[in-house]
């Protein structure tokens, strides 16, 4: 009997439209001869299954719905929600509570890795290199001198819990700091300020594939803009080179560190992490646990270079969740 698979997409953050695109690619890539596939939109004002432009409300008591009087119960959830509540552990905790398998890491791992500050705090004791950072909560006293003496200029001001480069600014001068903080605090009530790392930026996909941790071919990021911002990521204003132009020694170092970080954080499912390579040493910036899944997105590109089709990539995630 075919399994009922809910592909959840949307979310409550600025990434909602990107998530809807990812979810629809997953829907169109999976085998309908193997699964009954359903698109479920998780939005601030409604949870609905969408079929042929018709909406069917989701019963939050057991994550079911009814279509033409027939109750639909899901065997597994494919999580394609970028940002809250899909990437920060909230929705995953709900699925764990009601006993529905899902394609993501456990809820604690999702919450941990969505928080840039906490992720860096966990990996640093294991020798993982990072930028110098300074943290602020909304309402804290902002001591500009202390901040800039710590991280230097230029620096990056980021929303601590946000993706797709929302809430991030590169600051060159002290007078730009306050505006950058305002931008970041619009996305989150926690901010991380990091020193600028002058090196090669790479994106590394690490996934669980056929029961093994697999590091995908590395992608080098060459942004047309000042950094890998929203326009660079989604509007084609960057060059993404896979495999990255790294010498063998550096490539092996990046693979070693990326695998180590995945294991330290006890990850499962998909991940895509960003690193800056300085003097041959990878410095971790952040980890994304629901990376973009469209044809143009980095992780699917890396999978294709590894000989893994989108169907295989997404099917494997479901099979591992069901096991």
Protein backbone atom coordinates (compact mmCIF):
# COMPACT_ATOMS: atom_id res chain seq x y z
CA UNK A 1 0.00 0.00 0.00
CA UNK A 2 1.29 3.46 -0.91
CA UNK A 3 2.35 5.71 1.96
CA UNK A 4 0.68 9.09 2.48
CA UNK A 5 3.35 11.79 2.48
CA UNK A 6 2.65 15.37 3.60
CA UNK A 7 5.08 17.89 2.12
CA UNK A 8 4.90 20.82 4.51
CA UNK A 9 5.85 24.24 3.17
CA UNK A 10 5.33 27.94 3.84
CA UNK A 11 6.07 28.91 7.42
CA UNK A 12 5.80 32.08 9.47
CA UNK A 13 8.98 33.91 8.45
CA UNK A 14 10.23 36.10 5.60
CA UNK A 15 11.22 32.89 3.79
CA UNK A 16 7.65 31.76 3.11
CA UNK A 17 7.75 32.20 -0.68
CA UNK A 18 11.10 30.43 -0.98
CA UNK A 19 9.71 27.55 1.09
CA UNK A 20 6.66 27.23 -1.16
CA UNK A 21 8.97 26.91 -4.17
CA UNK A 22 11.08 24.27 -2.42
CA UNK A 23 8.02 22.30 -1.37
CA UNK A 24 6.56 22.27 -4.86
CA UNK A 25 9.85 21.00 -6.31
CA UNK A 26 9.80 18.15 -3.79
CA UNK A 27 6.20 17.40 -4.75
CA UNK A 28 6.98 17.31 -8.48
CA UNK A 29 10.18 15.24 -8.02
CA UNK A 30 8.84 12.32 -5.99
CA UNK A 31 7.31 9.19 -7.53
CA UNK A 32 3.51 9.20 -7.38
CA UNK A 33 3.52 5.47 -8.16
CA UNK A 34 5.28 4.94 -4.83
CA UNK A 35 3.64 7.61 -2.64
CA UNK A 36 0.38 9.49 -2.25
CA UNK A 37 1.73 13.05 -2.15
CA UNK A 38 0.00 16.01 -0.50
CA UNK A 39 1.03 19.67 -0.32
CA UNK A 40 0.34 21.11 3.13
CA UNK A 41 0.69 24.85 3.65
CA UNK A 42 1.65 25.81 7.21
CA UNK A 43 0.93 29.53 7.41
CA UNK A 44 0.34 32.01 10.23
CA UNK A 45 -3.38 32.20 9.57
CA UNK A 46 -4.10 28.63 8.46
CA UNK A 47 -2.87 25.06 8.12
CA UNK A 48 -4.37 23.58 4.96
CA UNK A 49 -3.89 20.75 2.51
CA UNK A 50 -3.97 22.24 -0.99
CA UNK A 51 -5.26 20.05 -3.84
CA UNK A 52 -6.39 21.34 -7.23
CA UNK A 53 -6.73 24.86 -5.80
CA UNK A 54 -9.02 23.53 -3.05
CA UNK A 55 -8.07 23.96 0.60
CA UNK A 56 -8.81 21.36 3.25
CA UNK A 57 -8.20 22.39 6.90
CA UNK A 58 -5.67 20.39 8.88
CA UNK A 59 -6.85 19.02 12.22
CA UNK A 60 -4.01 19.99 14.57
CA UNK A 61 -5.04 17.32 17.10
CA UNK A 62 -3.56 14.56 14.89
CA UNK A 63 -2.37 16.39 11.74
CA UNK A 64 -5.10 14.84 9.59
CA UNK A 65 -7.63 16.21 7.14
CA UNK A 66 -10.77 15.13 5.32
CA UNK A 67 -11.27 15.09 1.56
CA UNK A 68 -14.77 14.20 0.29
CA UNK A 69 -15.64 12.65 3.63
CA UNK A 70 -12.51 10.48 3.75
CA UNK A 71 -10.01 11.04 6.55
CA UNK A 72 -6.40 11.38 5.38
CA UNK A 73 -3.74 10.32 7.89
CA UNK A 74 -0.08 10.86 7.01
CA UNK A 75 2.62 8.21 7.33
CA UNK A 76 5.47 10.70 7.04
CA UNK A 77 6.12 14.44 6.77
CA UNK A 78 8.66 15.92 4.36
CA UNK A 79 9.77 19.19 5.94
CA UNK A 80 10.39 21.96 3.38
CA UNK A 81 9.77 24.93 5.69
CA UNK A 82 12.67 27.40 5.86
CA UNK A 83 12.70 29.43 9.06
CA UNK A 84 10.10 29.19 11.80
CA UNK A 85 8.32 26.90 12.63
CA UNK A 86 9.89 24.23 10.39
CA UNK A 87 13.58 24.91 10.82
CA UNK A 88 13.68 25.98 14.46
CA UNK A 89 12.34 22.76 15.95
CA UNK A 90 8.83 23.91 16.89
CA UNK A 91 6.93 22.00 14.22
CA UNK A 92 9.27 19.01 14.50
CA UNK A 93 8.56 18.79 18.26
CA UNK A 94 4.83 18.70 17.43
CA UNK A 95 5.33 15.82 14.97
CA UNK A 96 7.43 13.98 17.53
CA UNK A 97 4.72 14.44 20.17
CA UNK A 98 1.96 13.04 17.96
CA UNK A 99 4.20 10.29 16.56
CA UNK A 100 4.56 11.17 12.87
CA UNK A 101 7.96 10.40 11.25
CA UNK A 102 9.63 13.37 9.54
CA UNK A 103 12.62 14.01 7.29
CA UNK A 104 14.43 16.47 9.58
CA UNK A 105 16.79 16.09 12.51
CA UNK A 106 15.28 15.76 16.00
CA UNK A 107 13.58 18.88 17.35
CA UNK A 108 16.41 19.80 19.73
CA UNK A 109 19.00 19.64 16.93
CA UNK A 110 16.77 21.81 14.74
CA UNK A 111 16.36 24.41 17.49
CA UNK A 112 20.08 24.37 18.28
CA UNK A 113 21.31 24.79 14.71
CA UNK A 114 18.74 27.50 13.91
CA UNK A 115 20.38 29.57 16.64
CA UNK A 116 23.70 30.79 15.21
CA UNK A 117 25.04 31.83 18.62
CA UNK A 118 24.30 28.50 20.28
CA UNK A 119 25.62 26.47 17.33
CA UNK A 120 28.97 28.26 17.45
CA UNK A 121 29.11 27.87 21.23
CA UNK A 122 28.68 24.09 20.94
CA UNK A 123 31.27 23.49 18.20
CA UNK A 124 34.05 25.79 19.46
CA UNK A 125 35.21 23.44 22.26
CA UNK A 126 35.78 20.77 19.59
CA UNK A 127 38.32 22.98 17.83
CA UNK A 128 36.03 24.24 15.06
CA UNK A 129 37.22 27.67 13.94
CA UNK A 130 34.74 30.56 13.73
CA UNK A 131 34.73 34.33 13.36
CA UNK A 132 35.12 36.49 16.46
CA UNK A 133 31.59 37.29 17.63
CA UNK A 134 29.61 39.57 19.93
CA UNK A 135 26.02 38.91 21.00
CA UNK A 136 23.16 41.26 21.79
CA UNK A 137 19.61 40.74 23.00
CA UNK A 138 16.95 43.33 22.23
CA UNK A 139 16.97 45.88 25.04
CA UNK A 140 20.65 45.41 25.91
CA UNK A 141 22.84 48.47 26.28
CA UNK A 142 24.67 48.98 23.01
CA UNK A 143 28.31 49.84 23.70
CA UNK A 144 29.60 50.61 20.23
CA UNK A 145 33.22 50.99 21.34
CA UNK A 146 33.27 47.58 23.04
CA UNK A 147 31.53 45.92 20.10
CA UNK A 148 33.93 47.30 17.51
CA UNK A 149 36.99 46.72 19.67
CA UNK A 150 35.89 43.08 19.85
CA UNK A 151 35.00 42.36 16.22
CA UNK A 152 36.71 45.17 14.30
CA UNK A 153 35.67 46.72 11.00
CA UNK A 154 34.29 45.73 8.63
CA UNK A 155 31.93 43.39 10.46
CA UNK A 156 28.64 41.62 9.88
CA UNK A 157 25.49 42.28 11.88
CA UNK A 158 23.04 39.37 11.67
CA UNK A 159 19.69 38.34 13.04
CA UNK A 160 20.61 35.37 15.22
CA UNK A 161 17.66 33.22 14.12
CA UNK A 162 16.86 33.95 10.48
CA UNK A 163 17.77 32.57 7.07
CA UNK A 164 18.18 33.54 3.42
CA UNK A 165 20.31 36.51 4.52
CA UNK A 166 17.30 38.37 5.91
CA UNK A 167 18.39 40.78 8.64
CA UNK A 168 22.08 40.87 7.71
CA UNK A 169 24.24 43.93 6.98
CA UNK A 170 27.93 44.41 6.31
CA UNK A 171 29.14 47.37 8.36
CA UNK A 172 32.17 49.39 7.29
CA UNK A 173 31.92 52.44 9.56
CA UNK A 174 30.92 52.98 13.16
CA UNK A 175 28.06 55.29 12.12
CA UNK A 176 26.46 52.40 10.18
CA UNK A 177 26.19 50.12 13.20
CA UNK A 178 22.93 51.42 14.68
CA UNK A 179 21.04 51.08 11.38
CA UNK A 180 22.40 47.56 10.89
CA UNK A 181 21.16 46.61 14.35
CA UNK A 182 17.69 47.97 13.53
CA UNK A 183 17.60 45.81 10.39
CA UNK A 184 18.62 42.72 12.35
CA UNK A 185 16.18 43.33 15.21
CA UNK A 186 13.29 43.47 12.71
CA UNK A 187 13.92 39.76 12.05
CA UNK A 188 14.80 38.55 15.56
CA UNK A 189 15.20 39.79 19.13
CA UNK A 190 18.72 38.37 19.25
CA UNK A 191 21.64 39.63 17.17
CA UNK A 192 25.09 38.27 16.44
CA UNK A 193 27.89 40.59 15.30
CA UNK A 194 30.86 38.88 13.65
CA UNK A 195 34.29 39.88 12.48
CA UNK A 196 34.94 39.94 8.74
CA UNK A 197 36.83 36.89 7.48
CA UNK A 198 38.86 37.54 4.33
CA UNK A 199 38.92 34.27 2.45
CA UNK A 200 37.14 31.89 0.10
CA UNK A 201 33.48 31.24 0.88
CA UNK A 202 32.18 27.72 0.38
CA UNK A 203 28.89 25.98 1.00
CA UNK A 204 28.99 22.34 2.07
CA UNK A 205 26.05 19.97 1.96
CA UNK A 206 26.16 17.08 4.41
CA UNK A 207 23.28 14.61 4.42
CA UNK A 208 22.31 11.23 5.73
CA UNK A 209 22.16 9.04 2.62
CA UNK A 210 21.47 5.31 2.66
CA UNK A 211 22.26 5.19 6.35
CA UNK A 212 25.64 6.95 6.05
CA UNK A 213 26.83 10.52 6.59
CA UNK A 214 27.69 11.84 3.12
CA UNK A 215 29.55 15.07 2.36
CA UNK A 216 28.43 16.36 -1.03
CA UNK A 217 30.71 18.12 -3.55
CA UNK A 218 31.72 21.54 -2.20
CA UNK A 219 30.37 24.74 -3.80
CA UNK A 220 32.47 27.89 -4.03
CA UNK A 221 30.49 31.12 -3.70
CA UNK A 222 31.60 34.12 -5.76
CA UNK A 223 29.09 36.88 -5.11
CA UNK A 224 28.61 39.82 -7.48
CA UNK A 225 27.62 41.80 -4.39
CA UNK A 226 29.50 42.70 -1.24
CA UNK A 227 28.59 39.37 0.34
CA UNK A 228 26.31 36.36 -0.28
CA UNK A 229 23.08 38.27 0.35
CA UNK A 230 19.47 37.61 -0.69
CA UNK A 231 19.99 38.89 -4.24
CA UNK A 232 23.11 36.78 -4.65
CA UNK A 233 21.30 33.69 -3.37
CA UNK A 234 18.00 33.99 -5.23
CA UNK A 235 18.29 36.55 -8.00
CA UNK A 236 21.35 35.18 -9.78
CA UNK A 237 23.78 37.82 -8.54
CA UNK A 238 26.48 35.29 -7.74
CA UNK A 239 28.50 32.51 -9.29
CA UNK A 240 28.19 29.14 -7.59
CA UNK A 241 31.03 26.87 -8.68
CA UNK A 242 30.64 23.13 -8.00
CA UNK A 243 33.03 21.53 -7.36
CA UNK A 244 34.86 24.39 -5.66
CA UNK A 245 38.28 25.42 -6.96
CA UNK A 246 40.23 24.11 -3.97
CA UNK A 247 43.52 22.28 -3.82
CA UNK A 248 43.29 18.67 -2.63
CA UNK A 249 44.61 19.38 0.87
CA UNK A 250 42.13 22.20 1.48
CA UNK A 251 39.25 20.19 0.03
CA UNK A 252 40.03 17.29 2.36
CA UNK A 253 40.21 19.69 5.32
CA UNK A 254 36.80 21.17 4.51
CA UNK A 255 35.27 17.70 4.13
CA UNK A 256 36.78 16.60 7.44
CA UNK A 257 35.49 19.67 9.31
CA UNK A 258 32.04 19.54 7.70
CA UNK A 259 31.60 15.88 8.65
CA UNK A 260 32.86 16.59 12.17
CA UNK A 261 30.41 19.48 12.65
CA UNK A 262 27.49 17.33 11.41
CA UNK A 263 28.43 14.63 13.90
CA UNK A 264 29.13 17.02 16.81
CA UNK A 265 25.67 18.51 16.41
CA UNK A 266 24.16 14.99 16.12
CA UNK A 267 22.47 15.92 12.89
CA UNK A 268 20.22 13.83 10.68
CA UNK A 269 18.66 14.52 7.30
CA UNK A 270 19.71 17.52 5.22
CA UNK A 271 22.20 20.21 6.15
CA UNK A 272 24.08 22.90 4.27
CA UNK A 273 26.76 24.86 6.10
CA UNK A 274 28.68 27.96 5.12
CA UNK A 275 32.42 28.30 5.70
CA UNK A 276 35.08 30.91 4.99
CA UNK A 277 38.48 29.39 4.26
CA UNK A 278 41.27 31.54 5.71
CA UNK A 279 44.87 30.33 5.20
CA UNK A 280 43.62 26.84 4.42
CA UNK A 281 41.46 26.63 7.56
CA UNK A 282 37.64 26.45 7.28
CA UNK A 283 35.77 28.80 9.64
CA UNK A 284 32.13 27.87 10.27
CA UNK A 285 29.55 30.63 9.79
CA UNK A 286 26.27 28.75 10.21
CA UNK A 287 24.30 25.61 9.43
CA UNK A 288 20.99 25.42 7.55
CA UNK A 289 18.90 22.32 8.29
CA UNK A 290 16.17 23.02 5.72
CA UNK A 291 18.25 24.33 2.82
CA UNK A 292 16.72 25.48 -0.45
CA UNK A 293 15.46 22.53 -2.47
CA UNK A 294 14.66 24.12 -5.83
CA UNK A 295 16.51 23.15 -9.01
CA UNK A 296 18.65 26.28 -8.64
CA UNK A 297 19.44 25.73 -4.96
CA UNK A 298 22.93 24.78 -3.86
CA UNK A 299 22.26 21.44 -2.14
CA UNK A 300 20.34 19.90 -5.07
CA UNK A 301 23.13 21.09 -7.40
CA UNK A 302 25.68 19.38 -5.17
CA UNK A 303 23.62 16.18 -5.09
CA UNK A 304 23.46 16.12 -8.89
CA UNK A 305 27.26 16.48 -9.05
CA UNK A 306 27.44 13.48 -6.71
CA UNK A 307 25.24 11.49 -9.10
CA UNK A 308 22.13 11.76 -6.91
CA UNK A 309 18.94 12.85 -8.69
CA UNK A 310 16.31 14.98 -6.96
CA UNK A 311 14.02 11.95 -6.84
CA UNK A 312 16.74 9.88 -5.13
CA UNK A 313 17.60 12.73 -2.75
CA UNK A 314 14.03 13.27 -1.58
CA UNK A 315 13.01 9.60 -1.69
CA UNK A 316 15.98 8.65 0.51
CA UNK A 317 14.95 11.26 3.09
CA UNK A 318 11.46 9.74 3.31
CA UNK A 319 12.73 6.15 3.44
CA UNK A 320 15.17 7.00 6.25
CA UNK A 321 12.40 8.78 8.17
CA UNK A 322 10.06 5.78 7.81
CA UNK A 323 12.77 3.43 9.09
